[in-house]
Amino acid sequence: MSAPAVLAQTEALTPGDYSFAAAYALTGHALPENFAGVTTVAAGQSGDDVRDALTARFADAMGVDPADVTPLALRLRRTAVTR
C-alpha cells in the first residue's frame, strides 16, 4: 500500500469548514502554547494562507506581537459544522 499524498502548503485547499489544532512557540515562554478551534477556508486559500491567518488570530487572542509567535505545527481536518 502506498503512502497518502502530502498536500503542498502552497496548493489551494478545498473551501469549507475545518477544525484545527496548532502549536506555537512564544518569545520568552519555555513551553509551546496550543490553540484549537474551527476556521473557514475560502476558495483559493493554501495551507500557507491558513497557517498565516491562524497565527495572526492566535497572536491577537494572546495579546502579543505576531513577530513573537513561531508556528510549530498545524493540523487541519474537514468538518461538518452546524451554525
N, C-alpha and C. Protein backbone atom coordinates (compact mmCIF):
# COMPACT_ATOMS: atom_id res chain seq x y z
N MET A 1 0.85 -1.17 0.00
CA MET A 1 0.00 0.00 0.00
C MET A 1 0.90 1.23 0.00
N SER A 2 0.54 2.21 -0.82
CA SER A 2 1.36 3.42 -0.89
C SER A 2 0.90 4.43 0.16
N ALA A 3 1.82 5.30 0.50
CA ALA A 3 1.51 6.35 1.49
C ALA A 3 0.59 7.38 0.86
N PRO A 4 -0.27 8.01 1.66
CA PRO A 4 -1.15 9.05 1.11
C PRO A 4 -0.33 10.23 0.61
N ALA A 5 -0.84 10.87 -0.42
CA ALA A 5 -0.16 12.04 -0.98
C ALA A 5 -0.17 13.17 0.04
N VAL A 6 0.91 13.90 0.10
CA VAL A 6 1.01 15.05 1.01
C VAL A 6 0.71 16.30 0.21
N LEU A 7 -0.21 17.09 0.68
CA LEU A 7 -0.59 18.33 0.01
C LEU A 7 0.48 19.38 0.24
N ALA A 8 1.00 19.93 -0.83
CA ALA A 8 1.96 21.03 -0.69
C ALA A 8 1.27 22.21 -0.03
N GLN A 9 1.97 22.92 0.81
CA GLN A 9 1.37 24.03 1.55
C GLN A 9 0.91 25.16 0.65
N THR A 10 1.41 25.18 -0.59
CA THR A 10 1.03 26.27 -1.49
C THR A 10 -0.15 25.90 -2.39
N GLU A 11 -0.61 24.64 -2.36
CA GLU A 11 -1.77 24.23 -3.16
C GLU A 11 -3.05 24.70 -2.48
N ALA A 12 -4.03 25.08 -3.31
CA ALA A 12 -5.31 25.53 -2.76
C ALA A 12 -6.02 24.37 -2.06
N LEU A 13 -6.60 24.67 -0.91
CA LEU A 13 -7.38 23.70 -0.16
C LEU A 13 -8.83 23.72 -0.64
N THR A 14 -9.56 22.66 -0.36
CA THR A 14 -10.99 22.64 -0.67
C THR A 14 -11.69 23.60 0.27
N PRO A 15 -12.47 24.55 -0.27
CA PRO A 15 -13.17 25.50 0.60
C PRO A 15 -14.12 24.79 1.56
N GLY A 16 -14.32 25.36 2.72
CA GLY A 16 -15.25 24.82 3.70
C GLY A 16 -14.73 25.01 5.11
N ASP A 17 -15.44 24.38 6.04
CA ASP A 17 -15.07 24.48 7.45
C ASP A 17 -14.07 23.38 7.81
N TYR A 18 -13.08 23.76 8.60
CA TYR A 18 -12.05 22.84 9.06
C TYR A 18 -11.87 23.02 10.56
N SER A 19 -11.70 21.90 11.27
CA SER A 19 -11.25 22.02 12.65
C SER A 19 -9.73 22.09 12.57
N PHE A 20 -9.13 22.76 13.54
CA PHE A 20 -7.67 22.87 13.52
C PHE A 20 -7.12 22.69 14.92
N ALA A 21 -5.90 22.22 14.95
CA ALA A 21 -5.12 22.16 16.19
C ALA A 21 -3.74 22.66 15.82
N ALA A 22 -3.24 23.60 16.58
CA ALA A 22 -1.96 24.22 16.28
C ALA A 22 -1.13 24.36 17.55
N ALA A 23 0.17 24.40 17.36
CA ALA A 23 1.09 24.66 18.47
C ALA A 23 2.01 25.80 18.06
N TYR A 24 2.27 26.68 19.00
CA TYR A 24 3.09 27.86 18.73
C TYR A 24 4.13 28.04 19.82
N ALA A 25 5.29 28.55 19.43
CA ALA A 25 6.30 28.98 20.39
C ALA A 25 6.16 30.49 20.52
N LEU A 26 6.20 30.97 21.75
CA LEU A 26 6.14 32.41 22.02
C LEU A 26 7.48 32.85 22.58
N THR A 27 7.97 33.97 22.09
CA THR A 27 9.21 34.53 22.60
C THR A 27 9.09 34.73 24.11
N GLY A 28 10.05 34.22 24.85
CA GLY A 28 10.06 34.38 26.30
C GLY A 28 9.30 33.30 27.06
N HIS A 29 8.67 32.36 26.37
CA HIS A 29 7.95 31.27 27.02
C HIS A 29 8.74 29.98 26.84
N ALA A 30 8.86 29.21 27.90
CA ALA A 30 9.64 27.97 27.85
C ALA A 30 8.89 26.85 27.14
N LEU A 31 7.57 26.83 27.25
CA LEU A 31 6.78 25.74 26.67
C LEU A 31 5.90 26.26 25.54
N PRO A 32 5.61 25.41 24.55
CA PRO A 32 4.72 25.84 23.47
C PRO A 32 3.29 26.00 23.97
N GLU A 33 2.53 26.79 23.25
CA GLU A 33 1.12 27.02 23.54
C GLU A 33 0.29 26.30 22.48
N ASN A 34 -0.83 25.70 22.89
CA ASN A 34 -1.73 25.04 21.96
C ASN A 34 -2.93 25.93 21.67
N PHE A 35 -3.48 25.79 20.48
CA PHE A 35 -4.60 26.61 20.03
C PHE A 35 -5.44 25.71 19.13
N ALA A 36 -6.75 25.68 19.37
CA ALA A 36 -7.62 24.82 18.57
C ALA A 36 -8.95 25.50 18.35
N GLY A 37 -9.64 25.09 17.32
CA GLY A 37 -10.95 25.65 17.03
C GLY A 37 -11.40 25.26 15.64
N VAL A 38 -12.22 26.12 15.05
CA VAL A 38 -12.75 25.90 13.71
C VAL A 38 -12.45 27.14 12.88
N THR A 39 -12.08 26.92 11.64
CA THR A 39 -11.84 28.02 10.72
C THR A 39 -12.50 27.69 9.39
N THR A 40 -12.84 28.71 8.63
CA THR A 40 -13.42 28.53 7.31
C THR A 40 -12.37 28.87 6.26
N VAL A 41 -12.13 27.92 5.37
CA VAL A 41 -11.18 28.12 4.27
C VAL A 41 -11.96 28.64 3.07
N ALA A 42 -11.50 29.75 2.52
CA ALA A 42 -12.14 30.35 1.35
C ALA A 42 -11.53 29.77 0.07
N ALA A 43 -12.23 29.92 -1.03
CA ALA A 43 -11.73 29.45 -2.32
C ALA A 43 -10.37 30.07 -2.61
N GLY A 44 -9.43 29.25 -3.02
CA GLY A 44 -8.10 29.73 -3.39
C GLY A 44 -7.10 29.80 -2.26
N GLN A 45 -7.53 29.59 -1.01
CA GLN A 45 -6.59 29.66 0.11
C GLN A 45 -5.72 28.40 0.15
N SER A 46 -4.44 28.60 0.41
CA SER A 46 -3.49 27.49 0.54
C SER A 46 -3.25 27.18 2.02
N GLY A 47 -2.53 26.11 2.26
CA GLY A 47 -2.15 25.79 3.64
C GLY A 47 -1.34 26.91 4.27
N ASP A 48 -0.47 27.53 3.48
CA ASP A 48 0.31 28.67 3.99
C ASP A 48 -0.59 29.83 4.38
N ASP A 49 -1.60 30.11 3.55
CA ASP A 49 -2.53 31.20 3.85
C ASP A 49 -3.26 30.94 5.16
N VAL A 50 -3.73 29.71 5.33
CA VAL A 50 -4.47 29.35 6.55
C VAL A 50 -3.55 29.43 7.76
N ARG A 51 -2.32 28.91 7.63
CA ARG A 51 -1.35 28.98 8.73
C ARG A 51 -1.11 30.43 9.14
N ASP A 52 -0.90 31.30 8.17
CA ASP A 52 -0.63 32.71 8.47
C ASP A 52 -1.83 33.38 9.15
N ALA A 53 -3.04 33.08 8.66
CA ALA A 53 -4.24 33.66 9.26
C ALA A 53 -4.45 33.17 10.69
N LEU A 54 -4.23 31.88 10.92
CA LEU A 54 -4.40 31.33 12.27
C LEU A 54 -3.31 31.82 13.22
N THR A 55 -2.11 32.03 12.71
CA THR A 55 -1.03 32.58 13.54
C THR A 55 -1.39 33.99 13.98
N ALA A 56 -1.92 34.80 13.07
CA ALA A 56 -2.35 36.16 13.43
C ALA A 56 -3.50 36.11 14.43
N ARG A 57 -4.43 35.18 14.24
CA ARG A 57 -5.56 35.03 15.16
C ARG A 57 -5.08 34.63 16.56
N PHE A 58 -4.10 33.72 16.61
CA PHE A 58 -3.53 33.29 17.89
C PHE A 58 -2.84 34.46 18.58
N ALA A 59 -2.02 35.21 17.84
CA ALA A 59 -1.30 36.35 18.42
C ALA A 59 -2.28 37.36 18.99
N ASP A 60 -3.36 37.62 18.26
CA ASP A 60 -4.39 38.55 18.73
C ASP A 60 -5.04 38.03 20.01
N ALA A 61 -5.38 36.74 20.03
CA ALA A 61 -6.02 36.15 21.22
C ALA A 61 -5.10 36.20 22.44
N MET A 62 -3.80 36.06 22.21
CA MET A 62 -2.83 36.08 23.31
C MET A 62 -2.39 37.49 23.68
N GLY A 63 -2.73 38.46 22.82
CA GLY A 63 -2.34 39.84 23.09
C GLY A 63 -0.85 40.08 22.90
N VAL A 64 -0.26 39.38 21.93
CA VAL A 64 1.18 39.52 21.68
C VAL A 64 1.41 39.98 20.24
N ASP A 65 2.61 40.46 19.99
CA ASP A 65 3.02 40.86 18.65
C ASP A 65 3.19 39.60 17.80
N PRO A 66 2.61 39.56 16.59
CA PRO A 66 2.77 38.39 15.73
C PRO A 66 4.23 38.02 15.47
N ALA A 67 5.14 38.98 15.55
CA ALA A 67 6.57 38.70 15.35
C ALA A 67 7.13 37.83 16.47
N ASP A 68 6.43 37.76 17.61
CA ASP A 68 6.88 36.95 18.74
C ASP A 68 6.29 35.54 18.73
N VAL A 69 5.59 35.19 17.65
CA VAL A 69 4.92 33.88 17.55
C VAL A 69 5.56 33.08 16.42
N THR A 70 5.96 31.84 16.73
CA THR A 70 6.51 30.94 15.72
C THR A 70 5.61 29.71 15.62
N PRO A 71 5.00 29.47 14.45
CA PRO A 71 4.18 28.27 14.29
C PRO A 71 5.05 27.02 14.36
N LEU A 72 4.63 26.04 15.14
CA LEU A 72 5.37 24.78 15.26
C LEU A 72 4.67 23.64 14.52
N ALA A 73 3.35 23.60 14.61
CA ALA A 73 2.59 22.52 13.99
C ALA A 73 1.17 23.00 13.72
N LEU A 74 0.58 22.47 12.65
CA LEU A 74 -0.81 22.79 12.32
C LEU A 74 -1.45 21.55 11.70
N ARG A 75 -2.57 21.13 12.26
CA ARG A 75 -3.36 20.04 11.68
C ARG A 75 -4.71 20.61 11.30
N LEU A 76 -5.12 20.32 10.07
CA LEU A 76 -6.44 20.72 9.58
C LEU A 76 -7.24 19.48 9.26
N ARG A 77 -8.53 19.53 9.56
CA ARG A 77 -9.41 18.39 9.26
C ARG A 77 -10.75 18.93 8.82
N ARG A 78 -11.20 18.51 7.63
CA ARG A 78 -12.52 18.94 7.15
C ARG A 78 -13.56 18.50 8.15
N THR A 79 -14.53 19.35 8.39
CA THR A 79 -15.53 19.04 9.39
C THR A 79 -16.88 19.56 8.95
N ALA A 80 -17.91 18.92 9.41
CA ALA A 80 -19.26 19.42 9.19
C ALA A 80 -19.62 20.26 10.41
N VAL A 81 -19.82 21.53 10.21
CA VAL A 81 -20.11 22.45 11.31
C VAL A 81 -21.53 22.97 11.14
N THR A 82 -22.30 22.90 12.19
CA THR A 82 -23.64 23.49 12.15
C THR A 82 -23.57 24.84 12.83
N ARG A 83 -24.15 25.82 12.20
CA ARG A 83 -24.10 27.18 12.75
C ARG A 83 -25.48 27.67 13.05
